[in-house]
């Protein structure tokens, strides 16, 4: 399901979890990672669309990409230095065509 050109250090499947669990589990996993590593988070909670970008901005991590594929929200997060950054902007969530 992941793009082989993306070197994800870790993947988190938070599907089926409701707010605030996807963000809390994301924070826990990012705490174990080194700055610059990529984390792929899969979530099904519609609230994650607002929660994940806000979390990344407040925690100093960078939301590289956010999109929807087959009804699952995918977030590519780069582990930051832990300092909030007001200049962080994430791509809008977009629908990816279903692959059969």
PDB file of N, CA and C in Angstrom:
ATOM      1  N   UNK A   1       0.818  -1.197   0.000  1.00  0.00           N
ATOM      2  CA  UNK A   1       0.000   0.000   0.000  1.00  0.00           C
ATOM      3  C   UNK A   1       0.859   1.257   0.000  1.00  0.00           C
ATOM      4  N   UNK A   2       2.096   1.136   0.412  1.00  0.00           N
ATOM      5  CA  UNK A   2       2.956   2.314   0.451  1.00  0.00           C
ATOM      6  C   UNK A   2       3.731   2.451  -0.843  1.00  0.00           C
ATOM      7  N   UNK A   3       4.154   3.645  -1.133  1.00  0.00           N
ATOM      8  CA  UNK A   3       4.971   3.952  -2.287  1.00  0.00           C
ATOM      9  C   UNK A   3       6.396   3.524  -1.979  1.00  0.00           C
ATOM     10  N   UNK A   4       6.975   2.652  -2.808  1.00  0.00           N
ATOM     11  CA  UNK A   4       8.301   2.111  -2.528  1.00  0.00           C
ATOM     12  C   UNK A   4       9.393   3.174  -2.599  1.00  0.00           C
ATOM     13  N   UNK A   5       9.113   4.330  -3.212  1.00  0.00           N
ATOM     14  CA  UNK A   5      10.118   5.393  -3.267  1.00  0.00           C
ATOM     15  C   UNK A   5      10.181   6.183  -1.959  1.00  0.00           C
ATOM     16  N   UNK A   6       9.244   5.962  -1.063  1.00  0.00           N
ATOM     17  CA  UNK A   6       9.230   6.649   0.233  1.00  0.00           C
ATOM     18  C   UNK A   6       9.899   5.759   1.269  1.00  0.00           C
ATOM     19  N   UNK A   7      10.978   6.208   1.846  1.00  0.00           N
ATOM     20  CA  UNK A   7      11.678   5.386   2.843  1.00  0.00           C
ATOM     21  C   UNK A   7      11.089   5.570   4.245  1.00  0.00           C
ATOM     22  N   UNK A   8       9.943   4.971   4.502  1.00  0.00           N
ATOM     23  CA  UNK A   8       9.317   5.119   5.812  1.00  0.00           C
ATOM     24  C   UNK A   8      10.126   4.369   6.854  1.00  0.00           C
ATOM     25  N   UNK A   9      10.477   5.048   7.921  1.00  0.00           N
ATOM     26  CA  UNK A   9      11.163   4.398   9.030  1.00  0.00           C
ATOM     27  C   UNK A   9      10.176   3.522   9.790  1.00  0.00           C
ATOM     28  N   UNK A  10       8.923   3.996   9.880  1.00  0.00           N
ATOM     29  CA  UNK A  10       7.878   3.259  10.593  1.00  0.00           C
ATOM     30  C   UNK A  10       6.532   3.546   9.949  1.00  0.00           C
ATOM     31  N   UNK A  11       5.585   2.637  10.206  1.00  0.00           N
ATOM     32  CA  UNK A  11       4.200   2.815   9.779  1.00  0.00           C
ATOM     33  C   UNK A  11       3.303   2.565  10.978  1.00  0.00           C
ATOM     34  N   UNK A  12       2.252   3.372  11.086  1.00  0.00           N
ATOM     35  CA  UNK A  12       1.291   3.242  12.170  1.00  0.00           C
ATOM     36  C   UNK A  12      -0.096   3.050  11.575  1.00  0.00           C
ATOM     37  N   UNK A  13      -0.745   1.963  11.928  1.00  0.00           N
ATOM     38  CA  UNK A  13      -2.117   1.717  11.494  1.00  0.00           C
ATOM     39  C   UNK A  13      -3.049   2.102  12.645  1.00  0.00           C
ATOM     40  N   UNK A  14      -3.658   3.286  12.531  1.00  0.00           N
ATOM     41  CA  UNK A  14      -4.577   3.771  13.557  1.00  0.00           C
ATOM     42  C   UNK A  14      -6.022   3.691  13.078  1.00  0.00           C
ATOM     43  N   UNK A  15      -6.272   2.855  12.066  1.00  0.00           N
ATOM     44  CA  UNK A  15      -7.644   2.704  11.581  1.00  0.00           C
ATOM     45  C   UNK A  15      -8.486   2.053  12.675  1.00  0.00           C
ATOM     46  N   UNK A  16      -9.725   2.518  12.764  1.00  0.00           N
ATOM     47  CA  UNK A  16     -10.635   2.006  13.785  1.00  0.00           C
ATOM     48  C   UNK A  16     -10.545   2.753  15.108  1.00  0.00           C
ATOM     49  N   UNK A  17      -9.548   3.599  15.266  1.00  0.00           N
ATOM     50  CA  UNK A  17      -9.392   4.366  16.503  1.00  0.00           C
ATOM     51  C   UNK A  17     -10.023   5.745  16.354  1.00  0.00           C
ATOM     52  N   UNK A  18     -10.641   6.229  17.419  1.00  0.00           N
ATOM     53  CA  UNK A  18     -11.259   7.549  17.406  1.00  0.00           C
ATOM     54  C   UNK A  18     -10.403   8.551  18.168  1.00  0.00           C
ATOM     55  N   UNK A  19     -10.642   9.829  17.891  1.00  0.00           N
ATOM     56  CA  UNK A  19      -9.950  10.932  18.549  1.00  0.00           C
ATOM     57  C   UNK A  19     -10.006  10.752  20.056  1.00  0.00           C
ATOM     58  N   UNK A  20      -8.922  10.926  20.735  1.00  0.00           N
ATOM     59  CA  UNK A  20      -7.607  11.445  20.339  1.00  0.00           C
ATOM     60  C   UNK A  20      -6.574  10.361  20.072  1.00  0.00           C
ATOM     61  N   UNK A  21      -6.990   9.080  19.984  1.00  0.00           N
ATOM     62  CA  UNK A  21      -6.034   7.980  19.913  1.00  0.00           C
ATOM     63  C   UNK A  21      -5.085   8.016  18.705  1.00  0.00           C
ATOM     64  N   UNK A  22      -5.537   8.359  17.480  1.00  0.00           N
ATOM     65  CA  UNK A  22      -4.567   8.412  16.377  1.00  0.00           C
ATOM     66  C   UNK A  22      -3.422   9.395  16.638  1.00  0.00           C
ATOM     67  N   UNK A  23      -3.743  10.548  17.199  1.00  0.00           N
ATOM     68  CA  UNK A  23      -2.699  11.543  17.497  1.00  0.00           C
ATOM     69  C   UNK A  23      -1.805  11.069  18.644  1.00  0.00           C
ATOM     70  N   UNK A  24      -2.392  10.489  19.672  1.00  0.00           N
ATOM     71  CA  UNK A  24      -1.590  10.014  20.803  1.00  0.00           C
ATOM     72  C   UNK A  24      -0.634   8.901  20.383  1.00  0.00           C
ATOM     73  N   UNK A  25      -1.103   7.981  19.565  1.00  0.00           N
ATOM     74  CA  UNK A  25      -0.228   6.902  19.096  1.00  0.00           C
ATOM     75  C   UNK A  25       0.834   7.426  18.137  1.00  0.00           C
ATOM     76  N   UNK A  26       0.469   8.443  17.347  1.00  0.00           N
ATOM     77  CA  UNK A  26       1.446   9.070  16.458  1.00  0.00           C
ATOM     78  C   UNK A  26       2.554   9.721  17.272  1.00  0.00           C
ATOM     79  N   UNK A  27       2.172  10.445  18.317  1.00  0.00           N
ATOM     80  CA  UNK A  27       3.172  11.091  19.177  1.00  0.00           C
ATOM     81  C   UNK A  27       4.111  10.060  19.794  1.00  0.00           C
ATOM     82  N   UNK A  28       3.541   8.979  20.298  1.00  0.00           N
ATOM     83  CA  UNK A  28       4.351   7.928  20.933  1.00  0.00           C
ATOM     84  C   UNK A  28       5.363   7.340  19.936  1.00  0.00           C
ATOM     85  N   UNK A  29       4.901   7.087  18.698  1.00  0.00           N
ATOM     86  CA  UNK A  29       5.796   6.506  17.704  1.00  0.00           C
ATOM     87  C   UNK A  29       6.871   7.506  17.284  1.00  0.00           C
ATOM     88  N   UNK A  30       6.496   8.776  17.108  1.00  0.00           N
ATOM     89  CA  UNK A  30       7.478   9.800  16.736  1.00  0.00           C
ATOM     90  C   UNK A  30       8.524   9.985  17.827  1.00  0.00           C
ATOM     91  N   UNK A  31       8.136   9.805  19.079  1.00  0.00           N
ATOM     92  CA  UNK A  31       9.090   9.925  20.186  1.00  0.00           C
ATOM     93  C   UNK A  31      10.216   8.907  20.084  1.00  0.00           C
ATOM     94  N   UNK A  32       9.971   7.788  19.410  1.00  0.00           N
ATOM     95  CA  UNK A  32      10.970   6.733  19.258  1.00  0.00           C
ATOM     96  C   UNK A  32      11.824   6.904  18.010  1.00  0.00           C
ATOM     97  N   UNK A  33      11.548   7.942  17.206  1.00  0.00           N
ATOM     98  CA  UNK A  33      12.223   8.127  15.917  1.00  0.00           C
ATOM     99  C   UNK A  33      13.263   9.242  15.989  1.00  0.00           C
ATOM    100  N   UNK A  34      14.144   9.261  14.979  1.00  0.00           N
ATOM    101  CA  UNK A  34      15.165  10.291  14.858  1.00  0.00           C
ATOM    102  C   UNK A  34      14.670  11.406  13.934  1.00  0.00           C
ATOM    103  N   UNK A  35      15.158  12.624  14.151  1.00  0.00           N
ATOM    104  CA  UNK A  35      14.797  13.760  13.294  1.00  0.00           C
ATOM    105  C   UNK A  35      15.108  13.425  11.835  1.00  0.00           C
ATOM    106  N   UNK A  36      14.154  13.742  10.960  1.00  0.00           N
ATOM    107  CA  UNK A  36      14.316  13.500   9.534  1.00  0.00           C
ATOM    108  C   UNK A  36      13.711  12.196   9.050  1.00  0.00           C
ATOM    109  N   UNK A  37      13.419  11.263   9.949  1.00  0.00           N
ATOM    110  CA  UNK A  37      12.800  10.004   9.541  1.00  0.00           C
ATOM    111  C   UNK A  37      11.328  10.225   9.217  1.00  0.00           C
ATOM    112  N   UNK A  38      10.788   9.382   8.325  1.00  0.00           N
ATOM    113  CA  UNK A  38       9.394   9.490   7.908  1.00  0.00           C
ATOM    114  C   UNK A  38       8.532   8.431   8.572  1.00  0.00           C
ATOM    115  N   UNK A  39       7.333   8.857   8.970  1.00  0.00           N
ATOM    116  CA  UNK A  39       6.324   7.978   9.548  1.00  0.00           C
ATOM    117  C   UNK A  39       5.087   8.044   8.670  1.00  0.00           C
ATOM    118  N   UNK A  40       4.539   6.896   8.321  1.00  0.00           N
ATOM    119  CA  UNK A  40       3.275   6.829   7.595  1.00  0.00           C
ATOM    120  C   UNK A  40       2.191   6.444   8.586  1.00  0.00           C
ATOM    121  N   UNK A  41       1.168   7.293   8.712  1.00  0.00           N
ATOM    122  CA  UNK A  41       0.042   7.023   9.614  1.00  0.00           C
ATOM    123  C   UNK A  41      -1.203   6.789   8.768  1.00  0.00           C
ATOM    124  N   UNK A  42      -1.904   5.693   9.057  1.00  0.00           N
ATOM    125  CA  UNK A  42      -3.181   5.375   8.411  1.00  0.00           C
ATOM    126  C   UNK A  42      -4.260   5.540   9.458  1.00  0.00           C
ATOM    127  N   UNK A  43      -5.291   6.330   9.149  1.00  0.00           N
ATOM    128  CA  UNK A  43      -6.367   6.582  10.103  1.00  0.00           C
ATOM    129  C   UNK A  43      -7.707   6.561   9.379  1.00  0.00           C
ATOM    130  N   UNK A  44      -8.754   6.202  10.121  1.00  0.00           N
ATOM    131  CA  UNK A  44     -10.098   6.192   9.547  1.00  0.00           C
ATOM    132  C   UNK A  44     -11.005   7.247  10.180  1.00  0.00           C
ATOM    133  N   UNK A  45     -10.578   7.842  11.273  1.00  0.00           N
ATOM    134  CA  UNK A  45     -11.379   8.849  11.980  1.00  0.00           C
ATOM    135  C   UNK A  45     -11.379  10.159  11.189  1.00  0.00           C
ATOM    136  N   UNK A  46     -12.545  10.640  10.752  1.00  0.00           N
ATOM    137  CA  UNK A  46     -12.601  11.900  10.005  1.00  0.00           C
ATOM    138  C   UNK A  46     -12.008  13.084  10.769  1.00  0.00           C
ATOM    139  N   UNK A  47     -12.006  13.044  12.097  1.00  0.00           N
ATOM    140  CA  UNK A  47     -11.423  14.132  12.887  1.00  0.00           C
ATOM    141  C   UNK A  47      -9.920  14.233  12.691  1.00  0.00           C
ATOM    142  N   UNK A  48      -9.288  13.156  12.239  1.00  0.00           N
ATOM    143  CA  UNK A  48      -7.838  13.183  12.037  1.00  0.00           C
ATOM    144  C   UNK A  48      -7.430  14.173  10.952  1.00  0.00           C
ATOM    145  N   UNK A  49      -8.370  14.521  10.061  1.00  0.00           N
ATOM    146  CA  UNK A  49      -8.086  15.494   9.004  1.00  0.00           C
ATOM    147  C   UNK A  49      -7.705  16.849   9.601  1.00  0.00           C
ATOM    148  N   UNK A  50      -8.341  17.234  10.705  1.00  0.00           N
ATOM    149  CA  UNK A  50      -7.978  18.477  11.382  1.00  0.00           C
ATOM    150  C   UNK A  50      -6.926  18.241  12.467  1.00  0.00           C
ATOM    151  N   UNK A  51      -7.017  17.105  13.137  1.00  0.00           N
ATOM    152  CA  UNK A  51      -6.143  16.836  14.280  1.00  0.00           C
ATOM    153  C   UNK A  51      -4.681  16.648  13.897  1.00  0.00           C
ATOM    154  N   UNK A  52      -4.409  15.893  12.841  1.00  0.00           N
ATOM    155  CA  UNK A  52      -3.021  15.561  12.500  1.00  0.00           C
ATOM    156  C   UNK A  52      -2.223  16.788  12.047  1.00  0.00           C
ATOM    157  N   UNK A  53      -2.763  17.646  11.164  1.00  0.00           N
ATOM    158  CA  UNK A  53      -2.003  18.851  10.817  1.00  0.00           C
ATOM    159  C   UNK A  53      -1.767  19.762  12.026  1.00  0.00           C
ATOM    160  N   UNK A  54      -2.773  19.893  12.895  1.00  0.00           N
ATOM    161  CA  UNK A  54      -2.612  20.729  14.090  1.00  0.00           C
ATOM    162  C   UNK A  54      -1.557  20.142  15.019  1.00  0.00           C
ATOM    163  N   UNK A  55      -1.579  18.823  15.197  1.00  0.00           N
ATOM    164  CA  UNK A  55      -0.578  18.162  16.035  1.00  0.00           C
ATOM    165  C   UNK A  55       0.825  18.395  15.483  1.00  0.00           C
ATOM    166  N   UNK A  56       0.993  18.206  14.188  1.00  0.00           N
ATOM    167  CA  UNK A  56       2.319  18.379  13.582  1.00  0.00           C
ATOM    168  C   UNK A  56       2.825  19.802  13.774  1.00  0.00           C
ATOM    169  N   UNK A  57       1.964  20.765  13.560  1.00  0.00           N
ATOM    170  CA  UNK A  57       2.365  22.166  13.713  1.00  0.00           C
ATOM    171  C   UNK A  57       2.751  22.476  15.158  1.00  0.00           C
ATOM    172  N   UNK A  58       1.970  21.990  16.111  1.00  0.00           N
ATOM    173  CA  UNK A  58       2.238  22.279  17.524  1.00  0.00           C
ATOM    174  C   UNK A  58       3.457  21.527  18.044  1.00  0.00           C
ATOM    175  N   UNK A  59       3.753  20.367  17.476  1.00  0.00           N
ATOM    176  CA  UNK A  59       4.835  19.532  18.003  1.00  0.00           C
ATOM    177  C   UNK A  59       6.164  19.710  17.272  1.00  0.00           C
ATOM    178  N   UNK A  60       6.153  20.494  16.190  1.00  0.00           N
ATOM    179  CA  UNK A  60       7.402  20.725  15.471  1.00  0.00           C
ATOM    180  C   UNK A  60       7.756  19.635  14.480  1.00  0.00           C
ATOM    181  N   UNK A  61       6.783  18.808  14.122  1.00  0.00           N
ATOM    182  CA  UNK A  61       6.995  17.802  13.082  1.00  0.00           C
ATOM    183  C   UNK A  61       6.410  18.338  11.780  1.00  0.00           C
ATOM    184  N   UNK A  62       6.828  17.758  10.661  1.00  0.00           N
ATOM    185  CA  UNK A  62       6.381  18.278   9.365  1.00  0.00           C
ATOM    186  C   UNK A  62       5.459  17.275   8.675  1.00  0.00           C
ATOM    187  N   UNK A  63       4.265  17.734   8.358  1.00  0.00           N
ATOM    188  CA  UNK A  63       3.325  16.920   7.601  1.00  0.00           C
ATOM    189  C   UNK A  63       3.703  17.059   6.129  1.00  0.00           C
ATOM    190  N   UNK A  64       4.343  16.023   5.589  1.00  0.00           N
ATOM    191  CA  UNK A  64       4.823  16.054   4.207  1.00  0.00           C
ATOM    192  C   UNK A  64       3.687  15.909   3.208  1.00  0.00           C
ATOM    193  N   UNK A  65       2.751  15.020   3.518  1.00  0.00           N
ATOM    194  CA  UNK A  65       1.668  14.732   2.593  1.00  0.00           C
ATOM    195  C   UNK A  65       0.478  14.213   3.380  1.00  0.00           C
ATOM    196  N   UNK A  66      -0.704  14.570   2.931  1.00  0.00           N
ATOM    197  CA  UNK A  66      -1.932  14.046   3.517  1.00  0.00           C
ATOM    198  C   UNK A  66      -2.911  13.810   2.376  1.00  0.00           C
ATOM    199  N   UNK A  67      -3.457  12.611   2.307  1.00  0.00           N
ATOM    200  CA  UNK A  67      -4.440  12.314   1.276  1.00  0.00           C
ATOM    201  C   UNK A  67      -5.335  11.165   1.722  1.00  0.00           C
ATOM    202  N   UNK A  68      -6.366  10.924   0.929  1.00  0.00           N
ATOM    203  CA  UNK A  68      -7.330   9.859   1.213  1.00  0.00           C
ATOM    204  C   UNK A  68      -7.206   8.806   0.122  1.00  0.00           C
ATOM    205  N   UNK A  69      -7.139   7.553   0.537  1.00  0.00           N
ATOM    206  CA  UNK A  69      -7.086   6.461  -0.430  1.00  0.00           C
ATOM    207  C   UNK A  69      -8.007   5.353   0.066  1.00  0.00           C
ATOM    208  N   UNK A  70      -9.004   5.031  -0.743  1.00  0.00           N
ATOM    209  CA  UNK A  70      -9.968   3.980  -0.401  1.00  0.00           C
ATOM    210  C   UNK A  70     -10.625   4.217   0.956  1.00  0.00           C
ATOM    211  N   UNK A  71     -10.918   5.478   1.276  1.00  0.00           N
ATOM    212  CA  UNK A  71     -11.598   5.820   2.518  1.00  0.00           C
ATOM    213  C   UNK A  71     -10.702   5.883   3.740  1.00  0.00           C
ATOM    214  N   UNK A  72      -9.395   5.693   3.566  1.00  0.00           N
ATOM    215  CA  UNK A  72      -8.433   5.761   4.666  1.00  0.00           C
ATOM    216  C   UNK A  72      -7.599   7.023   4.497  1.00  0.00           C
ATOM    217  N   UNK A  73      -7.424   7.763   5.583  1.00  0.00           N
ATOM    218  CA  UNK A  73      -6.604   8.966   5.574  1.00  0.00           C
ATOM    219  C   UNK A  73      -5.151   8.562   5.786  1.00  0.00           C
ATOM    220  N   UNK A  74      -4.278   9.023   4.903  1.00  0.00           N
ATOM    221  CA  UNK A  74      -2.853   8.712   4.981  1.00  0.00           C
ATOM    222  C   UNK A  74      -2.079   9.996   5.265  1.00  0.00           C
ATOM    223  N   UNK A  75      -1.222   9.937   6.263  1.00  0.00           N
ATOM    224  CA  UNK A  75      -0.417  11.087   6.651  1.00  0.00           C
ATOM    225  C   UNK A  75       1.053  10.688   6.634  1.00  0.00           C
ATOM    226  N   UNK A  76       1.862  11.405   5.853  1.00  0.00           N
ATOM    227  CA  UNK A  76       3.306  11.191   5.836  1.00  0.00           C
ATOM    228  C   UNK A  76       3.922  12.293   6.682  1.00  0.00           C
ATOM    229  N   UNK A  77       4.515  11.901   7.798  1.00  0.00           N
ATOM    230  CA  UNK A  77       5.029  12.869   8.760  1.00  0.00           C
ATOM    231  C   UNK A  77       6.536  12.711   8.894  1.00  0.00           C
ATOM    232  N   UNK A  78       7.242  13.833   8.759  1.00  0.00           N
ATOM    233  CA  UNK A  78       8.684  13.841   8.981  1.00  0.00           C
ATOM    234  C   UNK A  78       8.951  14.264  10.413  1.00  0.00           C
ATOM    235  N   UNK A  79       9.697  13.441  11.131  1.00  0.00           N
ATOM    236  CA  UNK A  79      10.055  13.762  12.521  1.00  0.00           C
ATOM    237  C   UNK A  79      10.891  15.031  12.520  1.00  0.00           C
ATOM    238  N   UNK A  80      10.455  16.008  13.311  1.00  0.00           N
ATOM    239  CA  UNK A  80      11.159  17.280  13.411  1.00  0.00           C
ATOM    240  C   UNK A  80      12.021  17.343  14.647  1.00  0.00           C
ATOM    241  N   UNK A  81      12.443  18.529  14.965  1.00  0.00           N
ATOM    242  CA  UNK A  81      13.301  18.756  16.119  1.00  0.00           C
ATOM    243  C   UNK A  81      12.503  19.025  17.380  1.00  0.00           C
ATOM    244  N   UNK A  82      11.167  19.009  17.275  1.00  0.00           N
ATOM    245  CA  UNK A  82      10.331  19.202  18.450  1.00  0.00           C
ATOM    246  C   UNK A  82      10.024  20.647  18.766  1.00  0.00           C
ATOM    247  N   UNK A  83      10.293  21.546  17.807  1.00  0.00           N
ATOM    248  CA  UNK A  83       9.975  22.959  18.006  1.00  0.00           C
ATOM    249  C   UNK A  83       8.810  23.329  17.092  1.00  0.00           C
ATOM    250  N   UNK A  84       7.786  23.986  17.626  1.00  0.00           N
ATOM    251  CA  UNK A  84       6.669  24.421  16.771  1.00  0.00           C
ATOM    252  C   UNK A  84       7.169  25.343  15.670  1.00  0.00           C
ATOM    253  N   UNK A  85       6.560  25.241  14.502  1.00  0.00           N
ATOM    254  CA  UNK A  85       6.960  26.046  13.354  1.00  0.00           C
ATOM    255  C   UNK A  85       5.716  26.644  12.710  1.00  0.00           C
ATOM    256  N   UNK A  86       5.572  27.945  12.756  1.00  0.00           N
ATOM    257  CA  UNK A  86       4.400  28.611  12.195  1.00  0.00           C
ATOM    258  C   UNK A  86       4.387  28.597  10.676  1.00  0.00           C
ATOM    259  N   UNK A  87       5.504  28.232  10.038  1.00  0.00           N
ATOM    260  CA  UNK A  87       5.579  28.235   8.580  1.00  0.00           C
ATOM    261  C   UNK A  87       5.221  26.889   7.956  1.00  0.00           C
ATOM    262  N   UNK A  88       4.897  25.889   8.777  1.00  0.00           N
ATOM    263  CA  UNK A  88       4.572  24.569   8.248  1.00  0.00           C
ATOM    264  C   UNK A  88       3.199  24.618   7.583  1.00  0.00           C
ATOM    265  N   UNK A  89       3.160  24.172   6.329  1.00  0.00           N
ATOM    266  CA  UNK A  89       1.908  24.100   5.584  1.00  0.00           C
ATOM    267  C   UNK A  89       1.809  22.705   4.986  1.00  0.00           C
ATOM    268  N   UNK A  90       0.677  22.059   5.149  1.00  0.00           N
ATOM    269  CA  UNK A  90       0.473  20.713   4.606  1.00  0.00           C
ATOM    270  C   UNK A  90      -0.347  20.801   3.333  1.00  0.00           C
ATOM    271  N   UNK A  91      -0.093  19.867   2.422  1.00  0.00           N
ATOM    272  CA  UNK A  91      -0.924  19.754   1.236  1.00  0.00           C
ATOM    273  C   UNK A  91      -2.342  19.408   1.671  1.00  0.00           C
ATOM    274  N   UNK A  92      -3.338  19.902   0.950  1.00  0.00           N
ATOM    275  CA  UNK A  92      -4.705  19.541   1.312  1.00  0.00           C
ATOM    276  C   UNK A  92      -4.944  18.052   1.083  1.00  0.00           C
ATOM    277  N   UNK A  93      -5.902  17.511   1.807  1.00  0.00           N
ATOM    278  CA  UNK A  93      -6.271  16.111   1.626  1.00  0.00           C
ATOM    279  C   UNK A  93      -6.993  15.983   0.293  1.00  0.00           C
ATOM    280  N   UNK A  94      -6.627  14.973  -0.440  1.00  0.00           N
ATOM    281  CA  UNK A  94      -7.267  14.775  -1.741  1.00  0.00           C
ATOM    282  C   UNK A  94      -7.615  13.296  -1.931  1.00  0.00           C
ATOM    283  N   UNK A  95      -8.605  13.060  -2.739  1.00  0.00           N
ATOM    284  CA  UNK A  95      -9.077  11.703  -2.988  1.00  0.00           C
ATOM    285  C   UNK A  95      -8.155  11.044  -4.003  1.00  0.00           C
ATOM    286  N   UNK A  96      -7.673   9.841  -3.695  1.00  0.00           N
ATOM    287  CA  UNK A  96      -6.860   9.058  -4.618  1.00  0.00           C
ATOM    288  C   UNK A  96      -7.773   8.042  -5.286  1.00  0.00           C
ATOM    289  N   UNK A  97      -7.670   7.908  -6.605  1.00  0.00           N
ATOM    290  CA  UNK A  97      -8.541   6.928  -7.276  1.00  0.00           C
ATOM    291  C   UNK A  97      -8.327   5.534  -6.716  1.00  0.00           C
ATOM    292  N   UNK A  98      -9.423   4.779  -6.630  1.00  0.00           N
ATOM    293  CA  UNK A  98      -9.330   3.417  -6.112  1.00  0.00           C
ATOM    294  C   UNK A  98      -8.626   2.521  -7.117  1.00  0.00           C
ATOM    295  N   UNK A  99      -7.773   1.657  -6.607  1.00  0.00           N
ATOM    296  CA  UNK A  99      -7.059   0.700  -7.443  1.00  0.00           C
ATOM    297  C   UNK A  99      -7.644  -0.680  -7.163  1.00  0.00           C
ATOM    298  N   UNK A 100      -8.025  -1.340  -8.196  1.00  0.00           N
ATOM    299  CA  UNK A 100      -8.633  -2.678  -7.999  1.00  0.00           C
ATOM    300  C   UNK A 100      -7.694  -3.764  -8.395  1.00  0.00           C
TER     301      UNK A 100
END
